[in-house]
Amino acid sequence: MRIGLDVLGGDFAPKATLNGAVMALKELPETVKIVLIGDKDIILSFLKEERIDPLRFDIVDAPDLIEMDEHPTKALVNKPNSSISVGFRMLKHEEISAFASAGSSGAMLVGAIYSVNTIQGVIRPCTPAGIPKENGGTTLLVDVGTNPDSKPDVMYQFGLLGSIYAECVMHIKNPKVGLLNIGSEEKKGNLTTQSAFQLMKETKDFNFVGNVESRELFKDQVDVIVCDGFVGNIVLKQIEAMYRLLIKRGIRDDFLNRFNYENSGGTPILGVNGNIVVGHGISSSRAICNMIKQAVEISEAELPKKIRCALEKYSLNNN
């Protein structure tokens, strides 16, 4: 298995990404090869300084960087030698099993859609995030920003995609799917959530259990929570802000420690023909290491293949 890493992506790149790759190298089996995609001179200089044999990695020269504030589509076209552009070309031609980057999330999404392409039948790809449960488990929140204005049929698919991820990667049998809403009653919410509820309540594609209120986020009520990307992004950033506030005030315990973004490293893009993980822009070396390990898990789960099978079954049931 070959995992591609965008060495130039992230606020603290390339040092944090390269240190993260070295950490991952020590924690992954020898069957996993990490492919460093970035400025070859910088990579070789770092490895020499750290006294690490360059042959332990595969190195692909991609000296250009897509900045965070650049227009994603234009940047991918105008910078074919950027680390993100080269990474997606390699993924498209199956030269790597997965591609991970803490760089421009916009460029990663555009590259995913127009390079490896959306899986047939998927209306819009989405990104999930794990939220720790009080009992030690994890709830998957989807979508957390990719689709800020989702229609009911798109949110229905979020439930399907999230359920597949929860089962295949998180190893939750028959995961319970809930719809984030302002009340538990069927008629609660705006027109979008009410319509999404109607689509979900009779489904046989996943285990829908009804509406979930935000105060239930950390309980063991469901395994997957569906919402549009606008709401999901606000929820996720509010959780991150509260975590930082508590840590700043010296409040720490085992449960709170699980909210540290470094633990997951990144989030996958679900619904595309490839294994892609997007990391936080402020990723540390530990976060990069965990992002690479997550890319390995997603590759082993063969998510795109299982999503295609699920959508084929869904199409047959609705024809």
C-alpha atoms as a PDB file:
ATOM      1  CA  MET A   1       0.000   0.000   0.000  1.00  0.00           C
ATOM      2  CA  ARG A   2       1.278   3.464  -0.949  1.00  0.00           C
ATOM      3  CA  ILE A   3      -0.013   6.544   0.884  1.00  0.00           C
ATOM      4  CA  GLY A   4       0.625   9.928  -0.721  1.00  0.00           C
ATOM      5  CA  LEU A   5       1.350  12.865   1.602  1.00  0.00           C
ATOM      6  CA  ASP A   6       1.269  16.507   0.561  1.00  0.00           C
ATOM      7  CA  VAL A   7       4.487  17.685   2.204  1.00  0.00           C
ATOM      8  CA  LEU A   8       3.852  21.387   1.476  1.00  0.00           C
ATOM      9  CA  GLY A   9       0.288  21.566   2.842  1.00  0.00           C
ATOM     10  CA  GLY A  10      -0.459  23.106   6.242  1.00  0.00           C
ATOM     11  CA  ASP A  11       0.476  26.164   8.276  1.00  0.00           C
ATOM     12  CA  PHE A  12       3.547  24.472   9.734  1.00  0.00           C
ATOM     13  CA  ALA A  13       4.719  22.664   6.606  1.00  0.00           C
ATOM     14  CA  PRO A  14       7.085  21.302   5.559  1.00  0.00           C
ATOM     15  CA  LYS A  15       8.659  20.610   8.958  1.00  0.00           C
ATOM     16  CA  ALA A  16       5.446  19.408  10.638  1.00  0.00           C
ATOM     17  CA  THR A  17       4.429  17.222   7.673  1.00  0.00           C
ATOM     18  CA  LEU A  18       7.855  15.637   7.350  1.00  0.00           C
ATOM     19  CA  ASN A  19       8.139  15.021  11.092  1.00  0.00           C
ATOM     20  CA  GLY A  20       4.654  13.504  10.980  1.00  0.00           C
ATOM     21  CA  ALA A  21       5.687  11.221   8.132  1.00  0.00           C
ATOM     22  CA  VAL A  22       8.714  10.039  10.141  1.00  0.00           C
ATOM     23  CA  MET A  23       6.472   9.351  13.151  1.00  0.00           C
ATOM     24  CA  ALA A  24       4.013   7.398  10.984  1.00  0.00           C
ATOM     25  CA  LEU A  25       6.851   5.405   9.450  1.00  0.00           C
ATOM     26  CA  LYS A  26       7.698   4.073  12.911  1.00  0.00           C
ATOM     27  CA  GLU A  27       4.083   3.170  13.712  1.00  0.00           C
ATOM     28  CA  LEU A  28       2.918   1.607  10.441  1.00  0.00           C
ATOM     29  CA  PRO A  29       3.758  -1.880   9.123  1.00  0.00           C
ATOM     30  CA  GLU A  30       6.472  -2.266   6.505  1.00  0.00           C
ATOM     31  CA  THR A  31       3.813  -3.086   3.915  1.00  0.00           C
ATOM     32  CA  VAL A  32       2.828   0.621   3.916  1.00  0.00           C
ATOM     33  CA  LYS A  33       5.007   2.945   1.858  1.00  0.00           C
ATOM     34  CA  ILE A  34       4.690   6.689   2.445  1.00  0.00           C
ATOM     35  CA  VAL A  35       5.083   8.770  -0.713  1.00  0.00           C
ATOM     36  CA  LEU A  36       6.349  12.280   0.027  1.00  0.00           C
ATOM     37  CA  ILE A  37       4.972  14.729  -2.557  1.00  0.00           C
ATOM     38  CA  GLY A  38       6.599  18.157  -2.500  1.00  0.00           C
ATOM     39  CA  ASP A  39       9.808  20.055  -3.155  1.00  0.00           C
ATOM     40  CA  LYS A  40      12.414  17.308  -3.547  1.00  0.00           C
ATOM     41  CA  ASP A  41      15.324  19.482  -2.419  1.00  0.00           C
ATOM     42  CA  ILE A  42      13.527  20.449   0.798  1.00  0.00           C
ATOM     43  CA  ILE A  43      12.587  16.825   1.496  1.00  0.00           C
ATOM     44  CA  LEU A  44      16.105  15.483   0.930  1.00  0.00           C
ATOM     45  CA  SER A  45      17.634  18.278   3.008  1.00  0.00           C
ATOM     46  CA  PHE A  46      15.302  17.470   5.926  1.00  0.00           C
ATOM     47  CA  LEU A  47      15.991  13.736   5.771  1.00  0.00           C
ATOM     48  CA  LYS A  48      19.745  14.351   5.645  1.00  0.00           C
ATOM     49  CA  GLU A  49      19.558  16.679   8.641  1.00  0.00           C
ATOM     50  CA  GLU A  50      17.538  14.111  10.594  1.00  0.00           C
ATOM     51  CA  ARG A  51      19.869  11.295   9.449  1.00  0.00           C
ATOM     52  CA  ILE A  52      17.026   9.327   7.890  1.00  0.00           C
ATOM     53  CA  ASP A  53      17.633   7.122   4.858  1.00  0.00           C
ATOM     54  CA  PRO A  54      15.656   8.650   1.936  1.00  0.00           C
ATOM     55  CA  LEU A  55      15.067   5.134   0.587  1.00  0.00           C
ATOM     56  CA  ARG A  56      12.610   4.548   3.428  1.00  0.00           C
ATOM     57  CA  PHE A  57      10.233   6.857   1.552  1.00  0.00           C
ATOM     58  CA  ASP A  58       9.262   7.354  -2.056  1.00  0.00           C
ATOM     59  CA  ILE A  59       9.855  10.980  -3.059  1.00  0.00           C
ATOM     60  CA  VAL A  60       7.983  12.750  -5.855  1.00  0.00           C
ATOM     61  CA  ASP A  61       9.098  16.239  -6.851  1.00  0.00           C
ATOM     62  CA  ALA A  62       6.253  18.797  -6.791  1.00  0.00           C
ATOM     63  CA  PRO A  63       7.802  22.177  -5.950  1.00  0.00           C
ATOM     64  CA  ASP A  64       4.746  24.435  -6.282  1.00  0.00           C
ATOM     65  CA  LEU A  65       2.349  25.267  -3.441  1.00  0.00           C
ATOM     66  CA  ILE A  66      -1.362  26.123  -3.658  1.00  0.00           C
ATOM     67  CA  GLU A  67      -1.896  28.874  -1.095  1.00  0.00           C
ATOM     68  CA  MET A  68      -4.920  28.843   1.212  1.00  0.00           C
ATOM     69  CA  ASP A  69      -6.353  32.047  -0.307  1.00  0.00           C
ATOM     70  CA  GLU A  70      -6.001  30.998  -3.955  1.00  0.00           C
ATOM     71  CA  HIS A  71      -9.046  30.145  -6.072  1.00  0.00           C
ATOM     72  CA  PRO A  72      -9.045  26.313  -5.955  1.00  0.00           C
ATOM     73  CA  THR A  73     -10.053  25.598  -9.562  1.00  0.00           C
ATOM     74  CA  LYS A  74      -7.692  28.176 -11.069  1.00  0.00           C
ATOM     75  CA  ALA A  75      -4.838  27.082  -8.850  1.00  0.00           C
ATOM     76  CA  LEU A  76      -5.159  23.414  -9.841  1.00  0.00           C
ATOM     77  CA  VAL A  77      -5.070  24.406 -13.523  1.00  0.00           C
ATOM     78  CA  ASN A  78      -2.341  27.044 -13.257  1.00  0.00           C
ATOM     79  CA  LYS A  79      -0.098  25.012 -10.963  1.00  0.00           C
ATOM     80  CA  PRO A  80       0.134  21.499 -12.445  1.00  0.00           C
ATOM     81  CA  ASN A  81       3.350  20.921 -10.506  1.00  0.00           C
ATOM     82  CA  SER A  82       1.829  21.769  -7.136  1.00  0.00           C
ATOM     83  CA  SER A  83       1.880  19.095  -4.455  1.00  0.00           C
ATOM     84  CA  ILE A  84      -1.931  18.827  -4.503  1.00  0.00           C
ATOM     85  CA  SER A  85      -2.173  18.618  -8.324  1.00  0.00           C
ATOM     86  CA  VAL A  86       0.532  15.950  -8.504  1.00  0.00           C
ATOM     87  CA  GLY A  87      -1.048  14.014  -5.628  1.00  0.00           C
ATOM     88  CA  PHE A  88      -4.393  13.841  -7.380  1.00  0.00           C
ATOM     89  CA  ARG A  89      -2.798  12.759 -10.664  1.00  0.00           C
ATOM     90  CA  MET A  90      -1.084   9.932  -8.847  1.00  0.00           C
ATOM     91  CA  LEU A  91      -4.329   8.944  -7.123  1.00  0.00           C
ATOM     92  CA  LYS A  92      -6.233   9.029 -10.420  1.00  0.00           C
ATOM     93  CA  HIS A  93      -3.685   6.742 -12.072  1.00  0.00           C
ATOM     94  CA  GLU A  94      -3.677   4.428  -9.026  1.00  0.00           C
ATOM     95  CA  GLU A  95      -0.010   5.124  -8.265  1.00  0.00           C
ATOM     96  CA  ILE A  96      -1.024   5.657  -4.629  1.00  0.00           C
ATOM     97  CA  SER A  97      -3.817   4.073  -2.580  1.00  0.00           C
ATOM     98  CA  ALA A  98      -4.764   7.292  -0.774  1.00  0.00           C
ATOM     99  CA  PHE A  99      -3.853  10.962  -0.741  1.00  0.00           C
ATOM    100  CA  ALA A 100      -3.640  13.056   2.439  1.00  0.00           C
ATOM    101  CA  SER A 101      -3.101  16.795   2.795  1.00  0.00           C
ATOM    102  CA  ALA A 102      -3.407  19.548   5.397  1.00  0.00           C
ATOM    103  CA  GLY A 103      -3.303  22.137   2.620  1.00  0.00           C
ATOM    104  CA  SER A 104      -6.097  24.078   0.904  1.00  0.00           C
ATOM    105  CA  SER A 105      -9.364  22.277   1.707  1.00  0.00           C
ATOM    106  CA  GLY A 106     -11.003  24.003  -1.278  1.00  0.00           C
ATOM    107  CA  ALA A 107      -8.358  22.665  -3.659  1.00  0.00           C
ATOM    108  CA  MET A 108      -8.673  19.200  -2.106  1.00  0.00           C
ATOM    109  CA  LEU A 109     -12.432  19.151  -2.660  1.00  0.00           C
ATOM    110  CA  VAL A 110     -12.218  20.479  -6.221  1.00  0.00           C
ATOM    111  CA  GLY A 111      -9.419  18.039  -6.995  1.00  0.00           C
ATOM    112  CA  ALA A 112     -11.441  15.158  -5.594  1.00  0.00           C
ATOM    113  CA  ILE A 113     -14.501  15.985  -7.687  1.00  0.00           C
ATOM    114  CA  TYR A 114     -12.744  16.747 -10.970  1.00  0.00           C
ATOM    115  CA  SER A 115      -9.791  14.369 -10.785  1.00  0.00           C
ATOM    116  CA  VAL A 116     -10.940  11.054  -9.328  1.00  0.00           C
ATOM    117  CA  ASN A 117     -14.582  12.140  -9.836  1.00  0.00           C
ATOM    118  CA  THR A 118     -17.735  11.669  -7.797  1.00  0.00           C
ATOM    119  CA  ILE A 119     -19.083   8.126  -7.490  1.00  0.00           C
ATOM    120  CA  GLN A 120     -21.988   7.634  -9.874  1.00  0.00           C
ATOM    121  CA  GLY A 121     -25.205   8.208  -7.981  1.00  0.00           C
ATOM    122  CA  VAL A 122     -23.703  10.487  -5.338  1.00  0.00           C
ATOM    123  CA  ILE A 123     -25.351  13.897  -5.551  1.00  0.00           C
ATOM    124  CA  ARG A 124     -22.678  15.712  -3.534  1.00  0.00           C
ATOM    125  CA  PRO A 125     -19.594  14.416  -1.701  1.00  0.00           C
ATOM    126  CA  CYS A 126     -19.434  15.225   2.003  1.00  0.00           C
ATOM    127  CA  THR A 127     -17.022  15.347   4.917  1.00  0.00           C
ATOM    128  CA  PRO A 128     -17.668  13.798   8.351  1.00  0.00           C
ATOM    129  CA  ALA A 129     -16.091  14.430  11.741  1.00  0.00           C
ATOM    130  CA  GLY A 130     -15.967  12.276  14.844  1.00  0.00           C
ATOM    131  CA  ILE A 131     -17.468  13.565  18.099  1.00  0.00           C
ATOM    132  CA  PRO A 132     -16.519  11.738  21.333  1.00  0.00           C
ATOM    133  CA  LYS A 133     -19.298  10.070  23.319  1.00  0.00           C
ATOM    134  CA  GLU A 134     -19.388  10.069  27.103  1.00  0.00           C
ATOM    135  CA  ASN A 135     -19.298   6.266  27.129  1.00  0.00           C
ATOM    136  CA  GLY A 136     -16.048   6.099  25.156  1.00  0.00           C
ATOM    137  CA  GLY A 137     -17.456   5.653  21.655  1.00  0.00           C
ATOM    138  CA  THR A 138     -17.616   8.140  18.795  1.00  0.00           C
ATOM    139  CA  THR A 139     -20.509   9.744  16.926  1.00  0.00           C
ATOM    140  CA  LEU A 140     -20.018  10.667  13.277  1.00  0.00           C
ATOM    141  CA  LEU A 141     -21.299  14.136  12.325  1.00  0.00           C
ATOM    142  CA  VAL A 142     -21.919  14.597   8.591  1.00  0.00           C
ATOM    143  CA  ASP A 143     -21.671  17.034   6.795  1.00  0.00           C
ATOM    144  CA  VAL A 144     -19.270  19.482   8.484  1.00  0.00           C
ATOM    145  CA  GLY A 145     -18.803  22.109   5.804  1.00  0.00           C
ATOM    146  CA  THR A 146     -18.615  20.738   2.274  1.00  0.00           C
ATOM    147  CA  ASN A 147     -22.278  21.445   1.511  1.00  0.00           C
ATOM    148  CA  PRO A 148     -23.530  24.531   3.383  1.00  0.00           C
ATOM    149  CA  ASP A 149     -26.880  24.537   1.567  1.00  0.00           C
ATOM    150  CA  SER A 150     -28.070  20.927   1.290  1.00  0.00           C
ATOM    151  CA  LYS A 151     -31.424  19.771  -0.014  1.00  0.00           C
ATOM    152  CA  PRO A 152     -33.379  16.888   1.560  1.00  0.00           C
ATOM    153  CA  ASP A 153     -32.243  14.253  -0.970  1.00  0.00           C
ATOM    154  CA  VAL A 154     -28.619  15.252  -0.383  1.00  0.00           C
ATOM    155  CA  MET A 155     -29.061  14.969   3.376  1.00  0.00           C
ATOM    156  CA  TYR A 156     -30.639  11.562   2.874  1.00  0.00           C
ATOM    157  CA  GLN A 157     -27.455  10.451   1.128  1.00  0.00           C
ATOM    158  CA  PHE A 158     -25.393  11.850   3.996  1.00  0.00           C
ATOM    159  CA  GLY A 159     -27.167   9.286   6.161  1.00  0.00           C
ATOM    160  CA  LEU A 160     -26.260   6.506   3.744  1.00  0.00           C
ATOM    161  CA  LEU A 161     -22.635   7.589   3.319  1.00  0.00           C
ATOM    162  CA  GLY A 162     -22.190   8.145   7.054  1.00  0.00           C
ATOM    163  CA  SER A 163     -23.678   4.740   7.826  1.00  0.00           C
ATOM    164  CA  ILE A 164     -21.270   3.009   5.433  1.00  0.00           C
ATOM    165  CA  TYR A 165     -18.294   4.829   6.964  1.00  0.00           C
ATOM    166  CA  ALA A 166     -19.409   4.030  10.522  1.00  0.00           C
ATOM    167  CA  GLU A 167     -19.773   0.356   9.689  1.00  0.00           C
ATOM    168  CA  CYS A 168     -16.665  -0.124   7.541  1.00  0.00           C
ATOM    169  CA  VAL A 169     -14.123   2.145   9.264  1.00  0.00           C
ATOM    170  CA  MET A 170     -15.481   2.581  12.805  1.00  0.00           C
ATOM    171  CA  HIS A 171     -16.658  -1.064  12.902  1.00  0.00           C
ATOM    172  CA  ILE A 172     -20.115  -0.264  14.290  1.00  0.00           C
ATOM    173  CA  LYS A 173     -22.644  -2.937  13.402  1.00  0.00           C
ATOM    174  CA  ASN A 174     -25.915  -1.569  12.007  1.00  0.00           C
ATOM    175  CA  PRO A 175     -25.121   2.038  13.049  1.00  0.00           C
ATOM    176  CA  LYS A 176     -27.994   4.201  14.281  1.00  0.00           C
ATOM    177  CA  VAL A 177     -28.552   7.319  12.151  1.00  0.00           C
ATOM    178  CA  GLY A 178     -30.231  10.459  13.501  1.00  0.00           C
ATOM    179  CA  LEU A 179     -31.179  13.807  11.983  1.00  0.00           C
ATOM    180  CA  LEU A 180     -29.979  16.922  13.831  1.00  0.00           C
ATOM    181  CA  ASN A 181     -33.000  19.061  14.628  1.00  0.00           C
ATOM    182  CA  ILE A 182     -34.463  21.530  17.146  1.00  0.00           C
ATOM    183  CA  GLY A 183     -36.783  18.902  18.597  1.00  0.00           C
ATOM    184  CA  SER A 184     -37.403  15.173  18.579  1.00  0.00           C
ATOM    185  CA  GLU A 185     -40.905  15.415  17.057  1.00  0.00           C
ATOM    186  CA  GLU A 186     -41.387  14.520  13.408  1.00  0.00           C
ATOM    187  CA  LYS A 187     -42.805  17.929  12.427  1.00  0.00           C
ATOM    188  CA  LYS A 188     -40.039  19.951  14.086  1.00  0.00           C
ATOM    189  CA  GLY A 189     -37.478  21.987  12.170  1.00  0.00           C
ATOM    190  CA  ASN A 190     -37.387  23.952   8.947  1.00  0.00           C
ATOM    191  CA  LEU A 191     -38.788  22.707   5.641  1.00  0.00           C
ATOM    192  CA  THR A 192     -35.496  21.062   4.698  1.00  0.00           C
ATOM    193  CA  THR A 193     -35.180  18.954   7.834  1.00  0.00           C
ATOM    194  CA  GLN A 194     -38.887  18.083   7.798  1.00  0.00           C
ATOM    195  CA  SER A 195     -38.593  16.882   4.203  1.00  0.00           C
ATOM    196  CA  ALA A 196     -35.371  14.987   4.955  1.00  0.00           C
ATOM    197  CA  PHE A 197     -37.138  13.285   7.867  1.00  0.00           C
ATOM    198  CA  GLN A 198     -39.898  12.075   5.543  1.00  0.00           C
ATOM    199  CA  LEU A 199     -37.335  10.578   3.176  1.00  0.00           C
ATOM    200  CA  MET A 200     -35.473   8.850   5.997  1.00  0.00           C
ATOM    201  CA  LYS A 201     -38.256   7.513   8.165  1.00  0.00           C
ATOM    202  CA  GLU A 202     -39.247   4.643   5.845  1.00  0.00           C
ATOM    203  CA  THR A 203     -35.787   3.857   4.493  1.00  0.00           C
ATOM    204  CA  LYS A 204     -34.270   0.410   4.399  1.00  0.00           C
ATOM    205  CA  ASP A 205     -30.884   1.723   3.279  1.00  0.00           C
ATOM    206  CA  PHE A 206     -29.757   2.584   6.809  1.00  0.00           C
ATOM    207  CA  ASN A 207     -30.965   2.394  10.409  1.00  0.00           C
ATOM    208  CA  PHE A 208     -32.740   5.735  10.873  1.00  0.00           C
ATOM    209  CA  VAL A 209     -33.892   6.354  14.469  1.00  0.00           C
ATOM    210  CA  GLY A 210     -35.361   9.860  14.220  1.00  0.00           C
ATOM    211  CA  ASN A 211     -34.468  13.417  15.186  1.00  0.00           C
ATOM    212  CA  VAL A 212     -31.627  14.261  17.570  1.00  0.00           C
ATOM    213  CA  GLU A 213     -31.281  17.526  19.484  1.00  0.00           C
ATOM    214  CA  SER A 214     -27.887  19.189  19.854  1.00  0.00           C
ATOM    215  CA  ARG A 215     -27.857  18.572  23.625  1.00  0.00           C
ATOM    216  CA  GLU A 216     -27.669  14.852  22.806  1.00  0.00           C
ATOM    217  CA  LEU A 217     -24.457  15.180  20.750  1.00  0.00           C
ATOM    218  CA  PHE A 218     -22.214  13.535  23.334  1.00  0.00           C
ATOM    219  CA  LYS A 219     -24.604  10.797  24.449  1.00  0.00           C
ATOM    220  CA  ASP A 220     -24.926   7.264  23.129  1.00  0.00           C
ATOM    221  CA  GLN A 221     -28.226   7.901  21.373  1.00  0.00           C
ATOM    222  CA  VAL A 222     -26.980   7.493  17.794  1.00  0.00           C
ATOM    223  CA  ASP A 223     -23.807   6.629  15.852  1.00  0.00           C
ATOM    224  CA  VAL A 224     -24.281   9.002  12.901  1.00  0.00           C
ATOM    225  CA  ILE A 225     -25.822  12.490  13.004  1.00  0.00           C
ATOM    226  CA  VAL A 226     -26.907  14.070   9.715  1.00  0.00           C
ATOM    227  CA  CYS A 227     -27.053  17.829   9.102  1.00  0.00           C
ATOM    228  CA  ASP A 228     -26.272  20.260   6.311  1.00  0.00           C
ATOM    229  CA  GLY A 229     -22.729  21.572   6.062  1.00  0.00           C
ATOM    230  CA  PHE A 230     -23.610  25.035   7.370  1.00  0.00           C
ATOM    231  CA  VAL A 231     -24.990  23.705  10.645  1.00  0.00           C
ATOM    232  CA  GLY A 232     -22.349  20.982  10.917  1.00  0.00           C
ATOM    233  CA  ASN A 233     -19.463  23.403  10.511  1.00  0.00           C
ATOM    234  CA  ILE A 234     -20.861  25.721  13.196  1.00  0.00           C
ATOM    235  CA  VAL A 235     -21.358  22.783  15.576  1.00  0.00           C
ATOM    236  CA  LEU A 236     -17.840  21.472  14.968  1.00  0.00           C
ATOM    237  CA  LYS A 237     -16.140  24.859  15.418  1.00  0.00           C
ATOM    238  CA  GLN A 238     -18.161  25.583  18.560  1.00  0.00           C
ATOM    239  CA  ILE A 239     -16.971  22.273  20.012  1.00  0.00           C
ATOM    240  CA  GLU A 240     -13.366  23.138  19.091  1.00  0.00           C
ATOM    241  CA  ALA A 241     -13.713  26.593  20.667  1.00  0.00           C
ATOM    242  CA  MET A 242     -15.150  25.184  23.889  1.00  0.00           C
ATOM    243  CA  TYR A 243     -12.362  22.606  24.065  1.00  0.00           C
ATOM    244  CA  ARG A 244      -9.687  25.297  23.713  1.00  0.00           C
ATOM    245  CA  LEU A 245     -11.426  27.456  26.323  1.00  0.00           C
ATOM    246  CA  LEU A 246     -11.546  24.635  28.869  1.00  0.00           C
ATOM    247  CA  ILE A 247      -7.908  23.693  28.272  1.00  0.00           C
ATOM    248  CA  LYS A 248      -6.874  27.347  28.605  1.00  0.00           C
ATOM    249  CA  ARG A 249      -8.590  27.421  32.001  1.00  0.00           C
ATOM    250  CA  GLY A 250      -6.697  24.348  33.097  1.00  0.00           C
ATOM    251  CA  ILE A 251      -9.664  21.967  32.982  1.00  0.00           C
ATOM    252  CA  ARG A 252      -8.487  18.572  31.780  1.00  0.00           C
ATOM    253  CA  ASP A 253      -9.687  14.987  31.988  1.00  0.00           C
ATOM    254  CA  ASP A 254      -9.687  11.872  29.823  1.00  0.00           C
ATOM    255  CA  PHE A 255     -12.982  12.739  28.126  1.00  0.00           C
ATOM    256  CA  LEU A 256     -11.947  16.291  27.227  1.00  0.00           C
ATOM    257  CA  ASN A 257      -8.616  15.055  25.880  1.00  0.00           C
ATOM    258  CA  ARG A 258     -10.503  13.120  23.213  1.00  0.00           C
ATOM    259  CA  PHE A 259     -11.638  16.419  21.658  1.00  0.00           C
ATOM    260  CA  ASN A 260      -8.078  17.253  20.618  1.00  0.00           C
ATOM    261  CA  TYR A 261      -8.104  17.413  16.787  1.00  0.00           C
ATOM    262  CA  GLU A 262      -4.670  15.791  16.725  1.00  0.00           C
ATOM    263  CA  ASN A 263      -6.235  12.454  17.658  1.00  0.00           C
ATOM    264  CA  SER A 264      -7.988  12.009  14.319  1.00  0.00           C
ATOM    265  CA  GLY A 265      -5.634  14.003  12.133  1.00  0.00           C
ATOM    266  CA  GLY A 266      -8.162  14.699   9.401  1.00  0.00           C
ATOM    267  CA  THR A 267     -11.456  13.916   7.776  1.00  0.00           C
ATOM    268  CA  PRO A 268     -12.182  11.865   4.636  1.00  0.00           C
ATOM    269  CA  ILE A 269     -14.122  13.077   1.620  1.00  0.00           C
ATOM    270  CA  LEU A 270     -16.968  10.590   1.182  1.00  0.00           C
ATOM    271  CA  GLY A 271     -18.608   9.883  -2.166  1.00  0.00           C
ATOM    272  CA  VAL A 272     -15.633  10.132  -4.538  1.00  0.00           C
ATOM    273  CA  ASN A 273     -13.696   7.463  -6.458  1.00  0.00           C
ATOM    274  CA  GLY A 274     -10.633   7.606  -4.282  1.00  0.00           C
ATOM    275  CA  ASN A 275      -9.343   7.584  -0.727  1.00  0.00           C
ATOM    276  CA  ILE A 276      -8.764  11.201   0.322  1.00  0.00           C
ATOM    277  CA  VAL A 277      -8.113  12.663   3.765  1.00  0.00           C
ATOM    278  CA  VAL A 278      -8.100  16.401   4.488  1.00  0.00           C
ATOM    279  CA  GLY A 279      -6.247  17.577   7.575  1.00  0.00           C
ATOM    280  CA  HIS A 280      -6.579  20.709   9.686  1.00  0.00           C
ATOM    281  CA  GLY A 281      -4.521  23.664   8.438  1.00  0.00           C
ATOM    282  CA  ILE A 282      -2.857  24.003  11.839  1.00  0.00           C
ATOM    283  CA  SER A 283      -1.882  20.322  11.927  1.00  0.00           C
ATOM    284  CA  SER A 284       1.036  19.411  14.165  1.00  0.00           C
ATOM    285  CA  SER A 285       3.384  16.507  13.525  1.00  0.00           C
ATOM    286  CA  ARG A 286       1.202  14.197  15.633  1.00  0.00           C
ATOM    287  CA  ALA A 287      -1.895  15.247  13.678  1.00  0.00           C
ATOM    288  CA  ILE A 288      -0.084  14.564  10.382  1.00  0.00           C
ATOM    289  CA  CYS A 289       0.956  11.140  11.666  1.00  0.00           C
ATOM    290  CA  ASN A 290      -2.638  10.296  12.575  1.00  0.00           C
ATOM    291  CA  MET A 291      -3.877  11.658   9.237  1.00  0.00           C
ATOM    292  CA  ILE A 292      -1.589   9.207   7.436  1.00  0.00           C
ATOM    293  CA  LYS A 293      -2.761   6.348   9.658  1.00  0.00           C
ATOM    294  CA  GLN A 294      -6.372   7.284   8.958  1.00  0.00           C
ATOM    295  CA  ALA A 295      -5.636   7.193   5.221  1.00  0.00           C
ATOM    296  CA  VAL A 296      -4.384   3.636   5.695  1.00  0.00           C
ATOM    297  CA  GLU A 297      -7.576   2.625   7.538  1.00  0.00           C
ATOM    298  CA  ILE A 298      -9.795   4.111   4.826  1.00  0.00           C
ATOM    299  CA  SER A 299      -7.798   2.361   2.103  1.00  0.00           C
ATOM    300  CA  GLU A 300      -8.090  -0.974   3.874  1.00  0.00           C
ATOM    301  CA  ALA A 301     -11.852  -0.477   4.225  1.00  0.00           C
ATOM    302  CA  GLU A 302     -12.261   0.002   0.429  1.00  0.00           C
ATOM    303  CA  LEU A 303     -14.864   2.706   1.039  1.00  0.00           C
ATOM    304  CA  PRO A 304     -15.458   3.810  -2.577  1.00  0.00           C
ATOM    305  CA  LYS A 305     -16.191   0.226  -3.593  1.00  0.00           C
ATOM    306  CA  LYS A 306     -18.650  -0.289  -0.732  1.00  0.00           C
ATOM    307  CA  ILE A 307     -20.363   3.045  -1.413  1.00  0.00           C
ATOM    308  CA  ARG A 308     -20.799   2.073  -5.070  1.00  0.00           C
ATOM    309  CA  CYS A 309     -22.359  -1.253  -4.054  1.00  0.00           C
ATOM    310  CA  ALA A 310     -24.723   0.476  -1.606  1.00  0.00           C
ATOM    311  CA  LEU A 311     -25.830   3.017  -4.221  1.00  0.00           C
ATOM    312  CA  GLU A 312     -26.442   0.279  -6.786  1.00  0.00           C
ATOM    313  CA  LYS A 313     -28.674  -1.491  -4.269  1.00  0.00           C
ATOM    314  CA  TYR A 314     -30.411   1.817  -3.491  1.00  0.00           C
ATOM    315  CA  SER A 315     -31.055   2.436  -7.213  1.00  0.00           C
ATOM    316  CA  LEU A 316     -32.522  -1.040  -7.668  1.00  0.00           C
ATOM    317  CA  ASN A 317     -34.873  -0.510  -4.704  1.00  0.00           C
ATOM    318  CA  ASN A 318     -36.125   2.748  -6.130  1.00  0.00           C
ATOM    319  CA  ASN A 319     -36.677   1.667  -9.767  1.00  0.00           C
END
